[in-house]
Amino acid sequence: MPLLTDTYVRFVCFETVERQRNRLGVFQALEIAEQSEVAEDWALKELAALDRWFTTHLARPEKFASGRARLHGGEYVVEGQTGLSWFKPGATEHIRRMHRLKAALEACGIHVDILTTRDPGRIIWQDDHQIVAEPGHRRF
């Protein structure tokens, strides 16, 4: 089924992130894959190559929450919900490479799901290839 031109894409793993309702993103799973006892050599090489490509060609979002930072127990805590990263519909090369990343992670025993939505929530940051959106009541 082809994606609609206004559909955002997110790749997620099997587990939820501490203190969040949403699942782990694939970039956070790279370290888990490297430590996997079932990881195949080709998959580890592919993961390393793709990690380098994304480091060069995908900006690290500047913002993951819209709330203000406040001091709590000696640490600054950002109020509000943590945003989730989604690829924009036009980020075709990035999405194509994410499918390769998915295959390599799965060869290391890490299942990856592909989520799509036309409404990722309130967009709090974006660039040419991705957005960060606070999901609100949505669960991804």
N, C-alpha and C. Protein backbone atom coordinates (compact mmCIF):
# COMPACT_ATOMS: atom_id res chain seq x y z
N MET A 1 0.84 -1.18 0.00
CA MET A 1 0.00 0.00 0.00
C MET A 1 0.89 1.24 0.00
N PRO A 2 0.78 2.11 -1.00
CA PRO A 2 1.63 3.30 -1.04
C PRO A 2 1.25 4.29 0.06
N LEU A 3 2.26 4.99 0.54
CA LEU A 3 2.01 5.99 1.57
C LEU A 3 1.39 7.23 0.95
N LEU A 4 0.50 7.85 1.67
CA LEU A 4 -0.08 9.10 1.22
C LEU A 4 0.96 10.20 1.33
N THR A 5 0.77 11.27 0.59
CA THR A 5 1.77 12.35 0.59
C THR A 5 1.82 13.11 1.90
N ASP A 6 0.86 12.91 2.77
CA ASP A 6 0.87 13.61 4.06
C ASP A 6 1.00 12.64 5.24
N THR A 7 1.60 11.49 4.98
CA THR A 7 1.76 10.47 6.02
C THR A 7 3.18 10.50 6.58
N TYR A 8 3.29 10.60 7.89
CA TYR A 8 4.58 10.58 8.57
C TYR A 8 4.93 9.13 8.92
N VAL A 9 6.22 8.84 9.01
CA VAL A 9 6.69 7.47 9.24
C VAL A 9 7.63 7.43 10.44
N ARG A 10 7.43 6.44 11.31
CA ARG A 10 8.28 6.24 12.49
C ARG A 10 8.61 4.76 12.60
N PHE A 11 9.86 4.47 12.90
CA PHE A 11 10.33 3.09 13.10
C PHE A 11 10.56 2.90 14.59
N VAL A 12 9.96 1.86 15.17
CA VAL A 12 10.05 1.65 16.61
C VAL A 12 10.38 0.19 16.94
N CYS A 13 10.90 0.00 18.14
CA CYS A 13 11.28 -1.33 18.61
C CYS A 13 10.28 -1.85 19.63
N PHE A 14 10.64 -2.94 20.22
CA PHE A 14 9.79 -3.75 21.07
C PHE A 14 9.48 -3.20 22.44
N GLU A 15 10.27 -2.32 22.97
CA GLU A 15 10.08 -1.95 24.37
C GLU A 15 9.73 -0.48 24.52
N THR A 16 9.09 -0.15 25.63
CA THR A 16 8.75 1.24 25.90
C THR A 16 9.91 1.93 26.58
N VAL A 17 9.97 3.24 26.41
CA VAL A 17 11.02 4.04 27.02
C VAL A 17 10.59 4.38 28.45
N GLU A 18 11.55 4.33 29.36
CA GLU A 18 11.26 4.63 30.77
C GLU A 18 10.53 5.96 30.89
N ARG A 19 9.49 5.98 31.69
CA ARG A 19 8.67 7.17 31.97
C ARG A 19 7.88 7.65 30.76
N GLN A 20 7.78 6.85 29.72
CA GLN A 20 6.98 7.23 28.56
C GLN A 20 6.01 6.12 28.22
N ARG A 21 5.00 6.46 27.45
CA ARG A 21 4.04 5.46 27.00
C ARG A 21 4.42 4.91 25.64
N ASN A 22 5.45 5.44 25.03
CA ASN A 22 5.77 5.12 23.64
C ASN A 22 7.00 4.23 23.53
N ARG A 23 7.11 3.56 22.39
CA ARG A 23 8.17 2.56 22.22
C ARG A 23 9.51 3.17 21.82
N LEU A 24 10.54 2.40 22.07
CA LEU A 24 11.93 2.76 21.79
C LEU A 24 12.14 3.00 20.30
N GLY A 25 12.81 4.09 19.96
CA GLY A 25 13.17 4.35 18.57
C GLY A 25 14.33 3.47 18.14
N VAL A 26 14.48 3.26 16.83
CA VAL A 26 15.50 2.32 16.37
C VAL A 26 16.92 2.79 16.63
N PHE A 27 17.18 4.09 16.62
CA PHE A 27 18.55 4.54 16.87
C PHE A 27 18.97 4.21 18.30
N GLN A 28 18.01 4.21 19.21
CA GLN A 28 18.31 3.84 20.60
C GLN A 28 18.59 2.34 20.72
N ALA A 29 18.17 1.57 19.75
CA ALA A 29 18.35 0.11 19.80
C ALA A 29 19.68 -0.35 19.21
N LEU A 30 20.45 0.55 18.62
CA LEU A 30 21.71 0.14 17.99
C LEU A 30 22.66 -0.51 19.00
N GLU A 31 22.76 0.06 20.18
CA GLU A 31 23.66 -0.49 21.20
C GLU A 31 23.20 -1.88 21.65
N ILE A 32 21.90 -2.06 21.74
CA ILE A 32 21.36 -3.37 22.11
C ILE A 32 21.74 -4.39 21.04
N ALA A 33 21.67 -3.99 19.77
CA ALA A 33 22.01 -4.89 18.66
C ALA A 33 23.48 -5.30 18.72
N GLU A 34 24.35 -4.35 19.03
CA GLU A 34 25.79 -4.64 19.09
C GLU A 34 26.10 -5.67 20.17
N GLN A 35 25.29 -5.73 21.21
CA GLN A 35 25.52 -6.66 22.31
C GLN A 35 24.77 -7.98 22.13
N SER A 36 24.02 -8.09 21.06
CA SER A 36 23.20 -9.28 20.82
C SER A 36 24.07 -10.51 20.55
N GLU A 37 23.70 -11.61 21.14
CA GLU A 37 24.42 -12.87 20.92
C GLU A 37 24.05 -13.51 19.59
N VAL A 38 22.95 -13.08 18.99
CA VAL A 38 22.52 -13.67 17.71
C VAL A 38 22.85 -12.77 16.52
N ALA A 39 23.53 -11.65 16.76
CA ALA A 39 23.84 -10.70 15.69
C ALA A 39 24.74 -11.33 14.64
N GLU A 40 24.36 -11.16 13.39
CA GLU A 40 25.17 -11.66 12.28
C GLU A 40 26.16 -10.58 11.85
N ASP A 41 27.34 -11.00 11.37
CA ASP A 41 28.39 -10.05 10.98
C ASP A 41 27.90 -9.03 9.95
N TRP A 42 27.21 -9.51 8.91
CA TRP A 42 26.75 -8.59 7.87
C TRP A 42 25.83 -7.54 8.46
N ALA A 43 24.99 -7.94 9.44
CA ALA A 43 24.04 -7.01 10.04
C ALA A 43 24.76 -5.95 10.87
N LEU A 44 25.78 -6.35 11.63
CA LEU A 44 26.54 -5.39 12.42
C LEU A 44 27.28 -4.40 11.53
N LYS A 45 27.83 -4.87 10.41
CA LYS A 45 28.50 -3.97 9.46
C LYS A 45 27.50 -3.01 8.83
N GLU A 46 26.33 -3.53 8.47
CA GLU A 46 25.29 -2.69 7.89
C GLU A 46 24.82 -1.64 8.88
N LEU A 47 24.64 -2.03 10.14
CA LEU A 47 24.23 -1.08 11.18
C LEU A 47 25.26 0.03 11.35
N ALA A 48 26.53 -0.34 11.37
CA ALA A 48 27.59 0.66 11.52
C ALA A 48 27.60 1.63 10.34
N ALA A 49 27.47 1.10 9.13
CA ALA A 49 27.47 1.95 7.93
C ALA A 49 26.26 2.88 7.92
N LEU A 50 25.10 2.36 8.26
CA LEU A 50 23.90 3.18 8.28
C LEU A 50 23.94 4.21 9.40
N ASP A 51 24.49 3.84 10.54
CA ASP A 51 24.64 4.80 11.64
C ASP A 51 25.52 5.97 11.20
N ARG A 52 26.61 5.68 10.49
CA ARG A 52 27.47 6.76 9.97
C ARG A 52 26.70 7.63 8.98
N TRP A 53 25.92 7.00 8.09
CA TRP A 53 25.17 7.77 7.09
C TRP A 53 24.17 8.69 7.77
N PHE A 54 23.41 8.16 8.73
CA PHE A 54 22.42 8.98 9.41
C PHE A 54 23.07 10.07 10.26
N THR A 55 24.22 9.81 10.84
CA THR A 55 24.93 10.83 11.61
C THR A 55 25.28 12.02 10.72
N THR A 56 25.61 11.74 9.47
CA THR A 56 25.97 12.79 8.51
C THR A 56 24.75 13.46 7.88
N HIS A 57 23.70 12.69 7.61
CA HIS A 57 22.59 13.18 6.78
C HIS A 57 21.27 13.42 7.52
N LEU A 58 21.28 13.28 8.83
CA LEU A 58 20.06 13.53 9.60
C LEU A 58 20.42 14.32 10.85
N ALA A 59 19.85 15.52 10.94
CA ALA A 59 20.15 16.39 12.08
C ALA A 59 19.58 15.81 13.37
N ARG A 60 20.29 16.05 14.45
CA ARG A 60 19.76 15.69 15.77
C ARG A 60 18.77 16.79 16.14
N PRO A 61 17.53 16.43 16.44
CA PRO A 61 16.54 17.46 16.79
C PRO A 61 17.02 18.34 17.94
N GLU A 62 16.73 19.63 17.81
CA GLU A 62 17.14 20.60 18.82
C GLU A 62 16.21 20.61 20.02
N LYS A 63 15.04 20.02 19.85
CA LYS A 63 14.02 20.13 20.89
C LYS A 63 13.15 18.88 20.90
N PHE A 64 12.89 18.35 22.09
CA PHE A 64 12.02 17.18 22.23
C PHE A 64 10.83 17.44 23.15
N ALA A 65 10.70 18.66 23.66
CA ALA A 65 9.56 19.00 24.50
C ALA A 65 9.31 20.50 24.39
N SER A 66 8.05 20.89 24.50
CA SER A 66 7.71 22.30 24.36
C SER A 66 7.68 23.03 25.70
N GLY A 67 7.70 22.28 26.80
CA GLY A 67 7.61 22.89 28.12
C GLY A 67 8.87 23.64 28.51
N ARG A 68 8.74 24.40 29.58
CA ARG A 68 9.89 25.14 30.10
C ARG A 68 10.71 24.26 31.03
N ALA A 69 11.99 24.56 31.10
CA ALA A 69 12.87 23.83 32.03
C ALA A 69 12.74 24.46 33.41
N ARG A 70 12.66 23.60 34.43
CA ARG A 70 12.60 24.09 35.81
C ARG A 70 13.55 23.25 36.65
N LEU A 71 14.06 23.84 37.70
CA LEU A 71 14.98 23.15 38.59
C LEU A 71 14.19 22.25 39.54
N HIS A 72 14.55 20.97 39.58
CA HIS A 72 13.86 20.02 40.45
C HIS A 72 14.91 19.06 41.02
N GLY A 73 15.12 19.12 42.32
CA GLY A 73 16.08 18.23 42.97
C GLY A 73 17.50 18.43 42.46
N GLY A 74 17.87 19.64 42.13
CA GLY A 74 19.23 19.91 41.66
C GLY A 74 19.45 19.67 40.18
N GLU A 75 18.41 19.24 39.46
CA GLU A 75 18.52 19.00 38.02
C GLU A 75 17.45 19.79 37.29
N TYR A 76 17.76 20.19 36.06
CA TYR A 76 16.76 20.84 35.24
C TYR A 76 15.90 19.78 34.57
N VAL A 77 14.60 19.94 34.73
CA VAL A 77 13.62 19.02 34.15
C VAL A 77 12.73 19.81 33.21
N VAL A 78 12.52 19.30 32.00
CA VAL A 78 11.64 19.97 31.06
C VAL A 78 10.22 19.50 31.32
N GLU A 79 9.33 20.48 31.53
CA GLU A 79 7.93 20.15 31.76
C GLU A 79 7.27 19.80 30.43
N GLY A 80 6.25 19.01 30.50
CA GLY A 80 5.52 18.66 29.29
C GLY A 80 5.90 17.28 28.78
N GLN A 81 5.21 16.88 27.76
CA GLN A 81 5.38 15.55 27.19
C GLN A 81 6.59 15.50 26.26
N THR A 82 7.30 14.39 26.26
CA THR A 82 8.43 14.21 25.36
C THR A 82 7.92 13.96 23.96
N GLY A 83 8.50 14.67 22.99
CA GLY A 83 8.09 14.50 21.61
C GLY A 83 8.71 13.27 20.97
N LEU A 84 8.09 12.83 19.88
CA LEU A 84 8.57 11.68 19.12
C LEU A 84 9.01 12.13 17.74
N SER A 85 10.06 11.52 17.24
CA SER A 85 10.59 11.85 15.91
C SER A 85 9.86 11.05 14.84
N TRP A 86 9.52 11.73 13.76
CA TRP A 86 8.85 11.11 12.61
C TRP A 86 9.54 11.61 11.34
N PHE A 87 9.65 10.74 10.35
CA PHE A 87 10.14 11.17 9.05
C PHE A 87 9.01 11.83 8.29
N LYS A 88 9.35 12.92 7.61
CA LYS A 88 8.38 13.58 6.74
C LYS A 88 8.13 12.71 5.51
N PRO A 89 6.97 12.86 4.89
CA PRO A 89 6.65 12.05 3.72
C PRO A 89 7.67 12.17 2.59
N GLY A 90 8.29 13.32 2.43
CA GLY A 90 9.25 13.53 1.35
C GLY A 90 10.66 13.04 1.62
N ALA A 91 10.91 12.49 2.80
CA ALA A 91 12.26 12.02 3.16
C ALA A 91 12.48 10.60 2.62
N THR A 92 12.32 10.43 1.33
CA THR A 92 12.31 9.09 0.73
C THR A 92 13.64 8.35 0.89
N GLU A 93 14.77 9.04 0.72
CA GLU A 93 16.06 8.37 0.88
C GLU A 93 16.28 7.93 2.32
N HIS A 94 15.90 8.77 3.26
CA HIS A 94 16.03 8.43 4.68
C HIS A 94 15.15 7.23 5.02
N ILE A 95 13.94 7.23 4.53
CA ILE A 95 13.01 6.13 4.81
C ILE A 95 13.51 4.84 4.15
N ARG A 96 14.04 4.94 2.95
CA ARG A 96 14.60 3.76 2.27
C ARG A 96 15.72 3.15 3.10
N ARG A 97 16.60 4.00 3.62
CA ARG A 97 17.71 3.49 4.44
C ARG A 97 17.22 2.96 5.80
N MET A 98 16.14 3.51 6.30
CA MET A 98 15.57 2.99 7.54
C MET A 98 15.04 1.57 7.35
N HIS A 99 14.55 1.27 6.16
CA HIS A 99 14.12 -0.11 5.89
C HIS A 99 15.32 -1.06 5.94
N ARG A 100 16.47 -0.60 5.45
CA ARG A 100 17.70 -1.40 5.55
C ARG A 100 18.11 -1.57 7.01
N LEU A 101 17.99 -0.49 7.78
CA LEU A 101 18.31 -0.54 9.21
C LEU A 101 17.39 -1.53 9.93
N LYS A 102 16.12 -1.50 9.57
CA LYS A 102 15.14 -2.44 10.13
C LYS A 102 15.57 -3.88 9.87
N ALA A 103 15.95 -4.19 8.63
CA ALA A 103 16.36 -5.56 8.28
C ALA A 103 17.59 -5.98 9.08
N ALA A 104 18.55 -5.08 9.24
CA ALA A 104 19.77 -5.40 9.99
C ALA A 104 19.47 -5.60 11.47
N LEU A 105 18.62 -4.75 12.05
CA LEU A 105 18.26 -4.92 13.46
C LEU A 105 17.53 -6.24 13.68
N GLU A 106 16.65 -6.59 12.75
CA GLU A 106 15.92 -7.85 12.90
C GLU A 106 16.85 -9.06 12.78
N ALA A 107 17.93 -8.93 12.00
CA ALA A 107 18.92 -10.00 11.92
C ALA A 107 19.70 -10.13 13.23
N CYS A 108 19.62 -9.11 14.07
CA CYS A 108 20.25 -9.14 15.40
C CYS A 108 19.24 -9.51 16.49
N GLY A 109 18.04 -9.91 16.07
CA GLY A 109 17.03 -10.34 17.03
C GLY A 109 16.17 -9.23 17.58
N ILE A 110 16.20 -8.04 16.97
CA ILE A 110 15.42 -6.91 17.46
C ILE A 110 14.30 -6.63 16.46
N HIS A 111 13.07 -6.87 16.88
CA HIS A 111 11.92 -6.64 16.00
C HIS A 111 11.66 -5.14 15.86
N VAL A 112 11.36 -4.71 14.65
CA VAL A 112 11.08 -3.31 14.36
C VAL A 112 9.72 -3.21 13.68
N ASP A 113 8.88 -2.31 14.18
CA ASP A 113 7.60 -2.01 13.55
C ASP A 113 7.69 -0.67 12.84
N ILE A 114 6.91 -0.53 11.79
CA ILE A 114 6.82 0.74 11.06
C ILE A 114 5.45 1.33 11.35
N LEU A 115 5.46 2.53 11.92
CA LEU A 115 4.22 3.22 12.23
C LEU A 115 4.00 4.33 11.22
N THR A 116 2.77 4.57 10.85
CA THR A 116 2.44 5.69 9.97
C THR A 116 1.26 6.43 10.57
N THR A 117 1.23 7.72 10.35
CA THR A 117 0.11 8.53 10.81
C THR A 117 0.03 9.81 9.99
N ARG A 118 -1.16 10.30 9.88
CA ARG A 118 -1.37 11.61 9.26
C ARG A 118 -1.41 12.69 10.34
N ASP A 119 -1.52 12.27 11.61
CA ASP A 119 -1.61 13.21 12.73
C ASP A 119 -0.67 12.76 13.86
N PRO A 120 0.60 13.17 13.79
CA PRO A 120 1.56 12.76 14.83
C PRO A 120 1.43 13.54 16.13
N GLY A 121 0.59 14.57 16.13
CA GLY A 121 0.46 15.40 17.32
C GLY A 121 0.94 16.82 17.04
N ARG A 122 1.24 17.53 18.10
CA ARG A 122 1.67 18.93 17.99
C ARG A 122 3.15 18.99 17.62
N ILE A 123 3.44 19.54 16.45
CA ILE A 123 4.82 19.63 15.98
C ILE A 123 5.55 20.72 16.76
N ILE A 124 6.67 20.34 17.38
CA ILE A 124 7.44 21.30 18.17
C ILE A 124 8.80 21.60 17.57
N TRP A 125 9.21 20.82 16.59
CA TRP A 125 10.49 21.05 15.90
C TRP A 125 10.43 20.34 14.56
N GLN A 126 11.12 20.91 13.56
CA GLN A 126 11.19 20.24 12.27
C GLN A 126 12.36 20.75 11.45
N ASP A 127 12.78 19.91 10.50
CA ASP A 127 13.74 20.32 9.49
C ASP A 127 13.23 19.77 8.16
N ASP A 128 14.10 19.65 7.17
CA ASP A 128 13.66 19.19 5.85
C ASP A 128 13.21 17.73 5.82
N HIS A 129 13.72 16.92 6.75
CA HIS A 129 13.49 15.47 6.68
C HIS A 129 12.62 14.90 7.79
N GLN A 130 12.48 15.62 8.89
CA GLN A 130 11.83 15.04 10.06
C GLN A 130 11.09 16.08 10.88
N ILE A 131 10.24 15.58 11.74
CA ILE A 131 9.57 16.43 12.72
C ILE A 131 9.73 15.78 14.09
N VAL A 132 9.54 16.58 15.12
CA VAL A 132 9.35 16.08 16.48
C VAL A 132 7.99 16.59 16.89
N ALA A 133 7.13 15.67 17.32
CA ALA A 133 5.77 16.04 17.70
C ALA A 133 5.42 15.44 19.06
N GLU A 134 4.74 16.23 19.87
CA GLU A 134 4.21 15.73 21.13
C GLU A 134 2.93 14.98 20.81
N PRO A 135 2.85 13.70 21.14
CA PRO A 135 1.71 12.90 20.70
C PRO A 135 0.39 13.19 21.40
N GLY A 136 0.42 13.93 22.51
CA GLY A 136 -0.82 14.20 23.22
C GLY A 136 -1.42 12.90 23.74
N HIS A 137 -2.68 12.67 23.46
CA HIS A 137 -3.36 11.45 23.93
C HIS A 137 -3.05 10.23 23.06
N ARG A 138 -2.41 10.44 21.91
CA ARG A 138 -2.10 9.33 21.00
C ARG A 138 -1.00 8.46 21.60
N ARG A 139 -1.04 7.19 21.28
CA ARG A 139 -0.03 6.26 21.76
C ARG A 139 0.60 5.56 20.57
N PHE A 140 1.91 5.69 20.43
CA PHE A 140 2.59 5.12 19.27
C PHE A 140 3.61 4.08 19.69
